C-alpha atoms as a PDB file:
ATOM      1  CA  MET A   1      30.137  -0.015  68.057  1.00  0.00           C
ATOM      2  CA  ASN A   2      29.665  -1.600  71.491  1.00  0.00           C
ATOM      3  CA  LEU A   3      32.245  -0.271  73.953  1.00  0.00           C
ATOM      4  CA  GLN A   4      32.036  -3.384  76.109  1.00  0.00           C
ATOM      5  CA  HIS A   5      32.946  -5.508  73.097  1.00  0.00           C
ATOM      6  CA  LEU A   6      35.961  -3.288  72.555  1.00  0.00           C
ATOM      7  CA  ARG A   7      36.972  -3.643  76.213  1.00  0.00           C
ATOM      8  CA  TYR A   8      36.778  -7.430  75.996  1.00  0.00           C
ATOM      9  CA  PHE A   9      38.722  -7.475  72.723  1.00  0.00           C
ATOM     10  CA  ALA A  10      41.455  -5.278  74.220  1.00  0.00           C
ATOM     11  CA  ALA A  11      41.650  -7.523  77.279  1.00  0.00           C
ATOM     12  CA  VAL A  12      42.127 -10.628  75.102  1.00  0.00           C
ATOM     13  CA  ILE A  13      44.967  -8.976  73.191  1.00  0.00           C
ATOM     14  CA  GLU A  14      46.664  -7.604  76.309  1.00  0.00           C
ATOM     15  CA  CYS A  15      46.237 -10.772  78.400  1.00  0.00           C
ATOM     16  CA  GLY A  16      47.116 -13.166  75.606  1.00  0.00           C
ATOM     17  CA  GLY A  17      43.927 -15.215  75.679  1.00  0.00           C
ATOM     18  CA  VAL A  18      40.284 -15.573  76.657  1.00  0.00           C
ATOM     19  CA  VAL A  19      40.886 -17.242  80.028  1.00  0.00           C
ATOM     20  CA  LYS A  20      43.068 -14.468  81.444  1.00  0.00           C
ATOM     21  CA  ALA A  21      40.877 -11.797  79.842  1.00  0.00           C
ATOM     22  CA  ALA A  22      37.788 -13.237  81.527  1.00  0.00           C
ATOM     23  CA  HIS A  23      39.628 -13.211  84.864  1.00  0.00           C
ATOM     24  CA  ARG A  24      40.675  -9.593  84.395  1.00  0.00           C
ATOM     25  CA  MET A  25      37.197  -8.433  83.373  1.00  0.00           C
ATOM     26  CA  HIS A  26      35.434 -10.581  86.002  1.00  0.00           C
ATOM     27  CA  VAL A  27      33.125 -12.235  83.455  1.00  0.00           C
ATOM     28  CA  SER A  28      32.720 -15.754  82.083  1.00  0.00           C
ATOM     29  CA  GLN A  29      34.775 -17.073  79.170  1.00  0.00           C
ATOM     30  CA  PRO A  30      31.622 -17.554  77.011  1.00  0.00           C
ATOM     31  CA  ALA A  31      30.817 -13.856  77.505  1.00  0.00           C
ATOM     32  CA  ILE A  32      34.246 -12.894  76.127  1.00  0.00           C
ATOM     33  CA  SER A  33      33.901 -15.314  73.190  1.00  0.00           C
ATOM     34  CA  ALA A  34      30.406 -14.033  72.346  1.00  0.00           C
ATOM     35  CA  ALA A  35      31.659 -10.431  72.364  1.00  0.00           C
ATOM     36  CA  LEU A  36      34.509 -11.322  69.999  1.00  0.00           C
ATOM     37  CA  ARG A  37      32.125 -13.033  67.582  1.00  0.00           C
ATOM     38  CA  ALA A  38      29.761 -10.035  67.657  1.00  0.00           C
ATOM     39  CA  LEU A  39      32.642  -7.643  67.037  1.00  0.00           C
ATOM     40  CA  GLU A  40      33.935  -9.717  64.126  1.00  0.00           C
ATOM     41  CA  GLU A  41      30.451  -9.816  62.611  1.00  0.00           C
ATOM     42  CA  GLU A  42      30.158  -6.051  62.907  1.00  0.00           C
ATOM     43  CA  LEU A  43      33.586  -5.472  61.379  1.00  0.00           C
ATOM     44  CA  GLY A  44      32.962  -7.978  58.607  1.00  0.00           C
ATOM     45  CA  GLY A  45      36.066 -10.085  59.109  1.00  0.00           C
ATOM     46  CA  PRO A  46      38.004 -12.253  61.562  1.00  0.00           C
ATOM     47  CA  LEU A  47      40.139 -10.709  64.297  1.00  0.00           C
ATOM     48  CA  PHE A  48      41.778 -13.990  65.235  1.00  0.00           C
ATOM     49  CA  ASN A  49      42.982 -17.146  63.603  1.00  0.00           C
ATOM     50  CA  ARG A  50      41.718 -20.175  65.527  1.00  0.00           C
ATOM     51  CA  PRO A  51      44.009 -23.154  65.015  1.00  0.00           C
ATOM     52  CA  GLY A  52      43.001 -26.373  66.748  1.00  0.00           C
ATOM     53  CA  GLY A  53      39.286 -25.713  66.655  1.00  0.00           C
ATOM     54  CA  GLY A  54      39.319 -22.332  68.382  1.00  0.00           C
ATOM     55  CA  ARG A  55      41.002 -23.314  71.640  1.00  0.00           C
ATOM     56  CA  HIS A  56      43.930 -21.035  70.825  1.00  0.00           C
ATOM     57  CA  LEU A  57      43.508 -17.505  69.441  1.00  0.00           C
ATOM     58  CA  VAL A  58      46.144 -15.881  67.254  1.00  0.00           C
ATOM     59  CA  PRO A  59      45.447 -12.206  66.472  1.00  0.00           C
ATOM     60  CA  THR A  60      45.632 -11.209  62.819  1.00  0.00           C
ATOM     61  CA  SER A  61      47.738  -8.275  61.653  1.00  0.00           C
ATOM     62  CA  LYS A  62      44.517  -6.310  61.166  1.00  0.00           C
ATOM     63  CA  ALA A  63      43.527  -7.126  64.746  1.00  0.00           C
ATOM     64  CA  MET A  64      46.772  -5.674  66.082  1.00  0.00           C
ATOM     65  CA  ARG A  65      46.217  -2.438  64.147  1.00  0.00           C
ATOM     66  CA  PHE A  66      42.620  -2.386  65.332  1.00  0.00           C
ATOM     67  CA  HIS A  67      43.807  -2.867  68.913  1.00  0.00           C
ATOM     68  CA  ALA A  68      45.940   0.279  68.708  1.00  0.00           C
ATOM     69  CA  ARG A  69      42.854   2.252  67.675  1.00  0.00           C
ATOM     70  CA  THR A  70      40.767   0.504  70.315  1.00  0.00           C
ATOM     71  CA  ALA A  71      43.204   1.550  73.040  1.00  0.00           C
ATOM     72  CA  GLU A  72      42.904   5.157  71.863  1.00  0.00           C
ATOM     73  CA  ILE A  73      39.097   4.983  71.862  1.00  0.00           C
ATOM     74  CA  LEU A  74      38.896   3.444  75.327  1.00  0.00           C
ATOM     75  CA  GLY A  75      41.412   5.953  76.659  1.00  0.00           C
ATOM     76  CA  LEU A  76      39.384   8.861  75.306  1.00  0.00           C
ATOM     77  CA  CYS A  77      36.207   7.415  76.816  1.00  0.00           C
ATOM     78  CA  LYS A  78      37.853   7.129  80.226  1.00  0.00           C
ATOM     79  CA  SER A  79      39.219  10.664  79.960  1.00  0.00           C
ATOM     80  CA  ALA A  80      35.816  12.066  78.983  1.00  0.00           C
ATOM     81  CA  SER A  81      34.151  10.225  81.853  1.00  0.00           C
ATOM     82  CA  ALA A  82      36.778  11.395  84.346  1.00  0.00           C
ATOM     83  CA  GLU A  83      36.470  14.997  83.180  1.00  0.00           C
ATOM     84  CA  PHE A  84      32.674  14.866  83.501  1.00  0.00           C
ATOM     85  CA  ARG A  85      32.884  13.567  87.070  1.00  0.00           C
ATOM     86  CA  THR A  86      35.636  15.954  88.133  1.00  0.00           C
ATOM     87  CA  ASP A  87      34.616  18.548  90.693  1.00  0.00           C
ATOM     88  CA  PRO A  88      36.792  21.637  90.148  1.00  0.00           C
ATOM     89  CA  ASN A  89      36.476  22.433  93.849  1.00  0.00           C
ATOM     90  CA  ARG A  90      37.933  19.095  94.953  1.00  0.00           C
ATOM     91  CA  PRO A  91      41.687  18.453  94.986  1.00  0.00           C
ATOM     92  CA  PRO A  92      42.957  16.003  92.344  1.00  0.00           C
ATOM     93  CA  ARG A  93      43.143  12.393  93.530  1.00  0.00           C
ATOM     94  CA  LEU A  94      46.003  10.051  92.691  1.00  0.00           C
ATOM     95  CA  ARG A  95      45.546   6.373  93.532  1.00  0.00           C
ATOM     96  CA  ILE A  96      48.847   4.492  93.485  1.00  0.00           C
ATOM     97  CA  GLY A  97      49.021   0.720  93.650  1.00  0.00           C
ATOM     98  CA  ALA A  98      52.161  -0.577  95.371  1.00  0.00           C
ATOM     99  CA  LEU A  99      53.527  -4.099  95.021  1.00  0.00           C
ATOM    100  CA  ALA A 100      53.281  -5.907  98.350  1.00  0.00           C
ATOM    101  CA  THR A 101      56.892  -7.113  98.108  1.00  0.00           C
ATOM    102  CA  LEU A 102      58.411  -3.653  97.783  1.00  0.00           C
ATOM    103  CA  ALA A 103      60.363  -2.397 100.768  1.00  0.00           C
ATOM    104  CA  GLY A 104      57.957  -0.631 103.109  1.00  0.00           C
ATOM    105  CA  SER A 105      60.507   2.087 103.898  1.00  0.00           C
ATOM    106  CA  GLU A 106      60.726   3.027 100.206  1.00  0.00           C
ATOM    107  CA  ILE A 107      56.931   3.197  99.835  1.00  0.00           C
ATOM    108  CA  VAL A 108      56.579   5.411 102.916  1.00  0.00           C
ATOM    109  CA  SER A 109      59.423   7.667 101.787  1.00  0.00           C
ATOM    110  CA  ALA A 110      58.009   8.067  98.264  1.00  0.00           C
ATOM    111  CA  VAL A 111      54.481   8.824  99.493  1.00  0.00           C
ATOM    112  CA  THR A 112      55.782  11.325 102.052  1.00  0.00           C
ATOM    113  CA  ARG A 113      57.780  13.145  99.386  1.00  0.00           C
ATOM    114  CA  LEU A 114      54.855  13.152  96.979  1.00  0.00           C
ATOM    115  CA  ARG A 115      52.439  14.534  99.549  1.00  0.00           C
ATOM    116  CA  ARG A 116      54.919  17.210 100.559  1.00  0.00           C
ATOM    117  CA  GLN A 117      55.576  18.278  96.958  1.00  0.00           C
ATOM    118  CA  ARG A 118      51.929  18.068  95.888  1.00  0.00           C
ATOM    119  CA  ALA A 119      50.228  19.253  99.052  1.00  0.00           C
ATOM    120  CA  LYS A 120      46.902  19.873  97.305  1.00  0.00           C
ATOM    121  CA  TRP A 121      46.631  16.323  95.942  1.00  0.00           C
ATOM    122  CA  ARG A 122      44.784  13.450  97.591  1.00  0.00           C
ATOM    123  CA  VAL A 123      47.339  10.631  97.409  1.00  0.00           C
ATOM    124  CA  GLU A 124      46.080   7.103  98.149  1.00  0.00           C
ATOM    125  CA  ILE A 125      48.142   3.909  98.385  1.00  0.00           C
ATOM    126  CA  TRP A 126      46.655   0.503  97.532  1.00  0.00           C
ATOM    127  CA  GLU A 127      48.914  -2.454  98.325  1.00  0.00           C
ATOM    128  CA  ALA A 128      48.491  -5.813  96.560  1.00  0.00           C
ATOM    129  CA  GLY A 129      50.210  -8.510  94.522  1.00  0.00           C
ATOM    130  CA  SER A 130      51.161  -7.892  90.900  1.00  0.00           C
ATOM    131  CA  GLY A 131      48.107  -9.710  89.497  1.00  0.00           C
ATOM    132  CA  GLN A 132      45.673  -7.720  91.628  1.00  0.00           C
ATOM    133  CA  LEU A 133      47.393  -4.453  90.734  1.00  0.00           C
ATOM    134  CA  GLY A 134      47.072  -5.267  87.034  1.00  0.00           C
ATOM    135  CA  ASP A 135      43.359  -5.924  87.454  1.00  0.00           C
ATOM    136  CA  TRP A 136      42.807  -2.721  89.426  1.00  0.00           C
ATOM    137  CA  LEU A 137      44.658  -0.703  86.797  1.00  0.00           C
ATOM    138  CA  ALA A 138      42.596  -2.212  83.960  1.00  0.00           C
ATOM    139  CA  GLN A 139      39.378  -1.568  85.886  1.00  0.00           C
ATOM    140  CA  GLY A 140      40.303   2.046  86.631  1.00  0.00           C
ATOM    141  CA  ARG A 141      40.312   1.480  90.384  1.00  0.00           C
ATOM    142  CA  ILE A 142      43.880   2.825  90.607  1.00  0.00           C
ATOM    143  CA  ASP A 143      45.669   5.372  88.429  1.00  0.00           C
ATOM    144  CA  LEU A 144      49.230   4.047  88.596  1.00  0.00           C
ATOM    145  CA  ALA A 145      50.860   0.782  89.637  1.00  0.00           C
ATOM    146  CA  TRP A 146      54.342   0.606  91.176  1.00  0.00           C
ATOM    147  CA  THR A 147      54.926  -3.003  90.292  1.00  0.00           C
ATOM    148  CA  ALA A 148      56.827  -5.559  88.221  1.00  0.00           C
ATOM    149  CA  VAL A 149      56.999  -4.483  84.569  1.00  0.00           C
ATOM    150  CA  ASP A 150      59.035  -5.249  81.475  1.00  0.00           C
ATOM    151  CA  ALA A 151      60.451  -3.026  78.762  1.00  0.00           C
ATOM    152  CA  ASN A 152      57.528  -3.788  76.420  1.00  0.00           C
ATOM    153  CA  THR A 153      54.761  -2.842  78.876  1.00  0.00           C
ATOM    154  CA  ARG A 154      52.568  -0.072  77.460  1.00  0.00           C
ATOM    155  CA  ASN A 155      52.314   3.210  79.385  1.00  0.00           C
ATOM    156  CA  ALA A 156      55.099   2.161  81.720  1.00  0.00           C
ATOM    157  CA  LYS A 157      58.638   3.071  82.732  1.00  0.00           C
ATOM    158  CA  VAL A 158      61.232   0.654  84.087  1.00  0.00           C
ATOM    159  CA  LEU A 159      62.793   2.107  87.230  1.00  0.00           C
ATOM    160  CA  TRP A 160      65.258  -0.589  88.265  1.00  0.00           C
ATOM    161  CA  SER A 161      66.182  -4.243  87.985  1.00  0.00           C
ATOM    162  CA  GLU A 162      67.549  -6.253  90.869  1.00  0.00           C
ATOM    163  CA  PRO A 163      68.731  -9.795  91.572  1.00  0.00           C
ATOM    164  CA  PHE A 164      67.392 -12.222  94.130  1.00  0.00           C
ATOM    165  CA  VAL A 165      69.947 -12.826  96.869  1.00  0.00           C
ATOM    166  CA  ALA A 166      70.342 -14.846 100.046  1.00  0.00           C
ATOM    167  CA  LEU A 167      69.464 -12.777 103.120  1.00  0.00           C
ATOM    168  CA  VAL A 168      71.261 -13.960 106.252  1.00  0.00           C
ATOM    169  CA  ALA A 169      71.778 -12.804 109.836  1.00  0.00           C
ATOM    170  CA  LEU A 170      74.683 -10.484 110.629  1.00  0.00           C
ATOM    171  CA  ASP A 171      76.567 -13.273 112.440  1.00  0.00           C
ATOM    172  CA  HIS A 172      75.691 -16.030 109.959  1.00  0.00           C
ATOM    173  CA  ARG A 173      78.567 -18.084 108.517  1.00  0.00           C
ATOM    174  CA  LEU A 174      77.741 -16.814 104.994  1.00  0.00           C
ATOM    175  CA  ALA A 175      77.685 -13.123 105.961  1.00  0.00           C
ATOM    176  CA  ARG A 176      81.410 -12.787 105.278  1.00  0.00           C
ATOM    177  CA  TYR A 177      80.712 -13.461 101.584  1.00  0.00           C
ATOM    178  CA  ARG A 178      78.599 -10.314 101.123  1.00  0.00           C
ATOM    179  CA  ARG A 179      81.123  -8.939  98.608  1.00  0.00           C
ATOM    180  CA  THR A 180      82.449 -12.067  96.927  1.00  0.00           C
ATOM    181  CA  GLY A 181      79.193 -14.031  96.780  1.00  0.00           C
ATOM    182  CA  ILE A 182      78.485 -17.762  97.016  1.00  0.00           C
ATOM    183  CA  THR A 183      77.060 -20.575  94.885  1.00  0.00           C
ATOM    184  CA  LEU A 184      73.890 -22.603  95.354  1.00  0.00           C
ATOM    185  CA  LYS A 185      75.935 -25.528  96.680  1.00  0.00           C
ATOM    186  CA  GLU A 186      76.971 -23.435  99.681  1.00  0.00           C
ATOM    187  CA  LEU A 187      73.305 -23.171 100.704  1.00  0.00           C
ATOM    188  CA  ASP A 188      73.154 -26.927 101.342  1.00  0.00           C
ATOM    189  CA  GLY A 189      71.848 -27.715 104.792  1.00  0.00           C
ATOM    190  CA  GLU A 190      70.522 -24.223 105.456  1.00  0.00           C
ATOM    191  CA  GLN A 191      67.184 -23.650 107.160  1.00  0.00           C
ATOM    192  CA  ILE A 192      64.913 -21.611 104.869  1.00  0.00           C
ATOM    193  CA  VAL A 193      62.441 -18.910 105.875  1.00  0.00           C
ATOM    194  CA  LEU A 194      59.788 -19.151 103.165  1.00  0.00           C
ATOM    195  CA  ARG A 195      58.215 -15.863 102.073  1.00  0.00           C
ATOM    196  CA  GLY A 196      54.493 -16.297 101.525  1.00  0.00           C
ATOM    197  CA  SER A 197      54.426 -13.192  99.332  1.00  0.00           C
ATOM    198  CA  CYS A 198      57.338 -14.306  97.148  1.00  0.00           C
ATOM    199  CA  GLU A 199      57.024 -13.355  93.468  1.00  0.00           C
ATOM    200  CA  LEU A 200      58.417 -16.744  92.442  1.00  0.00           C
ATOM    201  CA  ASN A 201      56.590 -20.063  92.445  1.00  0.00           C
ATOM    202  CA  SER A 202      58.187 -23.394  93.344  1.00  0.00           C
ATOM    203  CA  GLY A 203      58.674 -24.252  89.661  1.00  0.00           C
ATOM    204  CA  GLU A 204      60.739 -21.124  89.056  1.00  0.00           C
ATOM    205  CA  LEU A 205      62.839 -21.834  92.142  1.00  0.00           C
ATOM    206  CA  ARG A 206      63.470 -25.398  91.003  1.00  0.00           C
ATOM    207  CA  SER A 207      64.425 -24.174  87.526  1.00  0.00           C
ATOM    208  CA  ALA A 208      66.939 -21.840  89.135  1.00  0.00           C
ATOM    209  CA  GLY A 209      68.459 -24.732  91.067  1.00  0.00           C
ATOM    210  CA  LEU A 210      66.884 -24.100  94.474  1.00  0.00           C
ATOM    211  CA  SER A 211      64.877 -27.276  94.973  1.00  0.00           C
ATOM    212  CA  MET A 212      64.726 -27.542  98.781  1.00  0.00           C
ATOM    213  CA  ARG A 213      67.075 -30.506  98.530  1.00  0.00           C
ATOM    214  CA  SER A 214      70.792 -30.450  99.131  1.00  0.00           C
ATOM    215  CA  SER A 215      73.359 -31.638  96.586  1.00  0.00           C
ATOM    216  CA  ALA A 216      73.571 -34.863  98.561  1.00  0.00           C
ATOM    217  CA  GLY A 217      69.847 -35.434  98.129  1.00  0.00           C
ATOM    218  CA  GLU A 218      68.951 -34.544 101.692  1.00  0.00           C
ATOM    219  CA  PRO A 219      65.893 -32.318 102.056  1.00  0.00           C
ATOM    220  CA  MET A 220      66.471 -28.686 102.976  1.00  0.00           C
ATOM    221  CA  SER A 221      63.933 -27.945 105.663  1.00  0.00           C
ATOM    222  CA  SER A 222      61.970 -24.739 106.046  1.00  0.00           C
ATOM    223  CA  SER A 223      62.235 -23.210 109.496  1.00  0.00           C
ATOM    224  CA  ALA A 224      59.325 -20.810 109.020  1.00  0.00           C
ATOM    225  CA  ARG A 225      56.651 -19.627 106.595  1.00  0.00           C
ATOM    226  CA  ALA A 226      55.958 -15.913 106.833  1.00  0.00           C
ATOM    227  CA  LEU A 227      53.230 -14.166 104.860  1.00  0.00           C
ATOM    228  CA  ARG A 228      54.682 -10.733 105.632  1.00  0.00           C
ATOM    229  CA  ASP A 229      58.191  -9.866 104.437  1.00  0.00           C
ATOM    230  CA  GLU A 230      58.688  -7.811 107.597  1.00  0.00           C
ATOM    231  CA  LEU A 231      58.272 -10.948 109.709  1.00  0.00           C
ATOM    232  CA  ALA A 232      60.447 -13.013 107.362  1.00  0.00           C
ATOM    233  CA  LEU A 233      63.309 -10.510 107.701  1.00  0.00           C
ATOM    234  CA  ARG A 234      62.979 -10.397 111.480  1.00  0.00           C
ATOM    235  CA  LEU A 235      63.202 -14.179 111.593  1.00  0.00           C
ATOM    236  CA  VAL A 236      66.300 -14.054 109.403  1.00  0.00           C
ATOM    237  CA  ALA A 237      67.872 -11.378 111.607  1.00  0.00           C
ATOM    238  CA  TRP A 238      67.316 -13.591 114.666  1.00  0.00           C
ATOM    239  CA  GLY A 239      69.049 -16.520 112.978  1.00  0.00           C
ATOM    240  CA  VAL A 240      65.955 -18.666 112.446  1.00  0.00           C
ATOM    241  CA  GLY A 241      66.959 -19.273 108.817  1.00  0.00           C
ATOM    242  CA  ILE A 242      67.917 -17.592 105.560  1.00  0.00           C
ATOM    243  CA  ALA A 243      65.589 -16.149 102.921  1.00  0.00           C
ATOM    244  CA  ILE A 244      65.763 -15.833  99.150  1.00  0.00           C
ATOM    245  CA  ALA A 245      64.474 -12.365  98.292  1.00  0.00           C
ATOM    246  CA  PRO A 246      64.985  -9.310  96.049  1.00  0.00           C
ATOM    247  CA  LEU A 247      68.047  -7.263  96.982  1.00  0.00           C
ATOM    248  CA  SER A 248      66.022  -4.144  97.839  1.00  0.00           C
ATOM    249  CA  LEU A 249      64.328  -5.937 100.741  1.00  0.00           C
ATOM    250  CA  ALA A 250      67.621  -6.123 102.658  1.00  0.00           C
ATOM    251  CA  THR A 251      67.662  -4.059 105.852  1.00  0.00           C
ATOM    252  CA  PRO A 252      70.564  -3.051 108.137  1.00  0.00           C
ATOM    253  CA  GLU A 253      69.637  -6.029 110.365  1.00  0.00           C
ATOM    254  CA  VAL A 254      70.456  -8.629 107.674  1.00  0.00           C
ATOM    255  CA  VAL A 255      73.204  -9.223 105.110  1.00  0.00           C
ATOM    256  CA  ALA A 256      72.532  -9.641 101.389  1.00  0.00           C
ATOM    257  CA  VAL A 257      74.762 -12.312  99.902  1.00  0.00           C
ATOM    258  CA  PRO A 258      74.899 -12.661  96.081  1.00  0.00           C
ATOM    259  CA  VAL A 259      74.317 -16.184  94.756  1.00  0.00           C
ATOM    260  CA  ALA A 260      76.288 -16.445  91.522  1.00  0.00           C
ATOM    261  CA  ASP A 261      74.399 -19.308  89.875  1.00  0.00           C
ATOM    262  CA  LEU A 262      70.893 -18.460  91.086  1.00  0.00           C
ATOM    263  CA  GLY A 263      70.083 -16.337  88.037  1.00  0.00           C
ATOM    264  CA  LEU A 264      66.812 -14.846  89.304  1.00  0.00           C
ATOM    265  CA  SER A 265      65.862 -11.184  89.121  1.00  0.00           C
ATOM    266  CA  ARG A 266      62.882  -8.846  88.916  1.00  0.00           C
ATOM    267  CA  THR A 267      62.270  -5.558  87.107  1.00  0.00           C
ATOM    268  CA  ILE A 268      60.300  -2.877  88.920  1.00  0.00           C
ATOM    269  CA  GLY A 269      58.686   0.144  87.325  1.00  0.00           C
ATOM    270  CA  LEU A 270      55.647   2.367  87.149  1.00  0.00           C
ATOM    271  CA  GLN A 271      52.654   1.646  84.914  1.00  0.00           C
ATOM    272  CA  TRP A 272      49.779   4.071  84.485  1.00  0.00           C
ATOM    273  CA  ARG A 273      46.424   4.544  82.797  1.00  0.00           C
ATOM    274  CA  PRO A 274      46.658   6.563  79.541  1.00  0.00           C
ATOM    275  CA  GLU A 275      44.508   9.381  80.871  1.00  0.00           C
ATOM    276  CA  VAL A 276      46.707  10.140  83.908  1.00  0.00           C
ATOM    277  CA  PRO A 277      48.229  13.629  83.396  1.00  0.00           C
ATOM    278  CA  GLU A 278      51.918  13.607  82.523  1.00  0.00           C
ATOM    279  CA  ASP A 279      52.807  15.860  85.448  1.00  0.00           C
ATOM    280  CA  GLY A 280      51.189  13.355  87.812  1.00  0.00           C
ATOM    281  CA  VAL A 281      53.183  10.468  86.343  1.00  0.00           C
ATOM    282  CA  MET A 282      56.459  12.417  86.498  1.00  0.00           C
ATOM    283  CA  ALA A 283      55.779  13.532  90.082  1.00  0.00           C
ATOM    284  CA  VAL A 284      55.359   9.908  91.201  1.00  0.00           C
ATOM    285  CA  ILE A 285      58.470   8.770  89.294  1.00  0.00           C
ATOM    286  CA  ASP A 286      60.529  11.584  90.828  1.00  0.00           C
ATOM    287  CA  ALA A 287      59.283  10.720  94.325  1.00  0.00           C
ATOM    288  CA  ILE A 288      60.139   7.031  93.893  1.00  0.00           C
ATOM    289  CA  GLU A 289      63.613   7.729  92.514  1.00  0.00           C
ATOM    290  CA  ALA A 290      64.347  10.248  95.269  1.00  0.00           C
ATOM    291  CA  SER A 291      63.155   7.821  97.941  1.00  0.00           C
ATOM    292  CA  ARG A 292      65.400   5.053  96.589  1.00  0.00           C
ATOM    293  CA  LEU A 293      68.389   7.359  96.537  1.00  0.00           C
ATOM    294  CA  GLY A 294      67.708   8.413 100.124  1.00  0.00           C
ATOM    295  CA  THR A 295      67.291   4.798 101.237  1.00  0.00           C
ATOM    296  CA  LYS A 296      70.625   3.801  99.647  1.00  0.00           C
ATOM    297  CA  VAL A 297      72.419   6.678 101.356  1.00  0.00           C
ATOM    298  CA  ARG A 298      71.016   5.719 104.764  1.00  0.00           C
ATOM    299  CA  THR A 299      71.783   2.026 104.213  1.00  0.00           C
ATOM    300  CA  HIS A 300      75.438   2.641 103.331  1.00  0.00           C
ATOM    301  CA  LYS A 301      76.196   5.029 106.157  1.00  0.00           C
END
C-alpha cells in the first residue's frame, strides 16, 4: 500500500476536503484526487460519497474506520524513521510552534522554565500563524504546536479559553469600566488600532457587531494598522486608539475592558505529533501552565 496515498487520504479527512488537503501537503488538487482513486481501486471500494458530481466529498463510515488505522500506520512510520535517525549521543530536540498572537512574555517564561527543567534538551521555538503551525505539524517540521485548538482536536489538550476585550489606555474614558464592562454601543466614535495579526477576519467582526461604523451610521476610523501586537499595544497605551484583542494580551500599560455583547473568544491549547514522547508533552504543558500562573501573579501585584 502506497504510504503517500495514505498521507493524502488522511489529509483530506483531517482538512475536510481536497482543496485544503492539497494546500497542507503542498501538491496540486489533481494529485490528491488521483491518489484517492488509486487507493479506492486498491481497497476495492469507495472511500467517499461524491454528491453533485464529485465536487463535494463525504467520507463513508468505512473510510472513517480506515482513517483511524491510517493514522496509526503513519504514526508508526514516523516513529520508526525518527528512531532510525536518532543519534544517541545527541541531546533530544523539541521543536515547539508558538502562535504569533500569544503574549510574548508567556512564551519567554515557558521556554525559560522548560530549558531550566530539561537542561539536556534542545528546545526550539518556531513562531507563526495558526494555519502555518498546522502545516508544520502535519509535515513533521515541528513536534508540538501551542496554538488555537478545540476540544475535538486529536492529540491535543485545551489549556484555556479567553474572551476578546477592548484594550484601552490607562487614562481612557472607558478604563473605569474594567470591572463592570461596556457594550458595543459605547465604542461608537472610538479610534481603532487594527491588529494585522488578528485571529479574526472582517466578516467575523461584523457578525459580532463590530462593523467599523457607529450606531448612527458614521464610520469608525482606524488610527493605525500594526502588524506586531507589541506595537499595537504601545499605540493603545499612548492613547492613539483602542484595540480589540484576546484578554491575555493585556499588559500593565493598558486596561482590558469586557464588552458584554461582543461574544468573541478563542481557545488555546497544545497539539502534538503522535510520536512525541509523553514526558515531553507533559513537560511543555507544565511549563506553559506555570508560566501563565506566574504572569497572572505579576500582573495582579
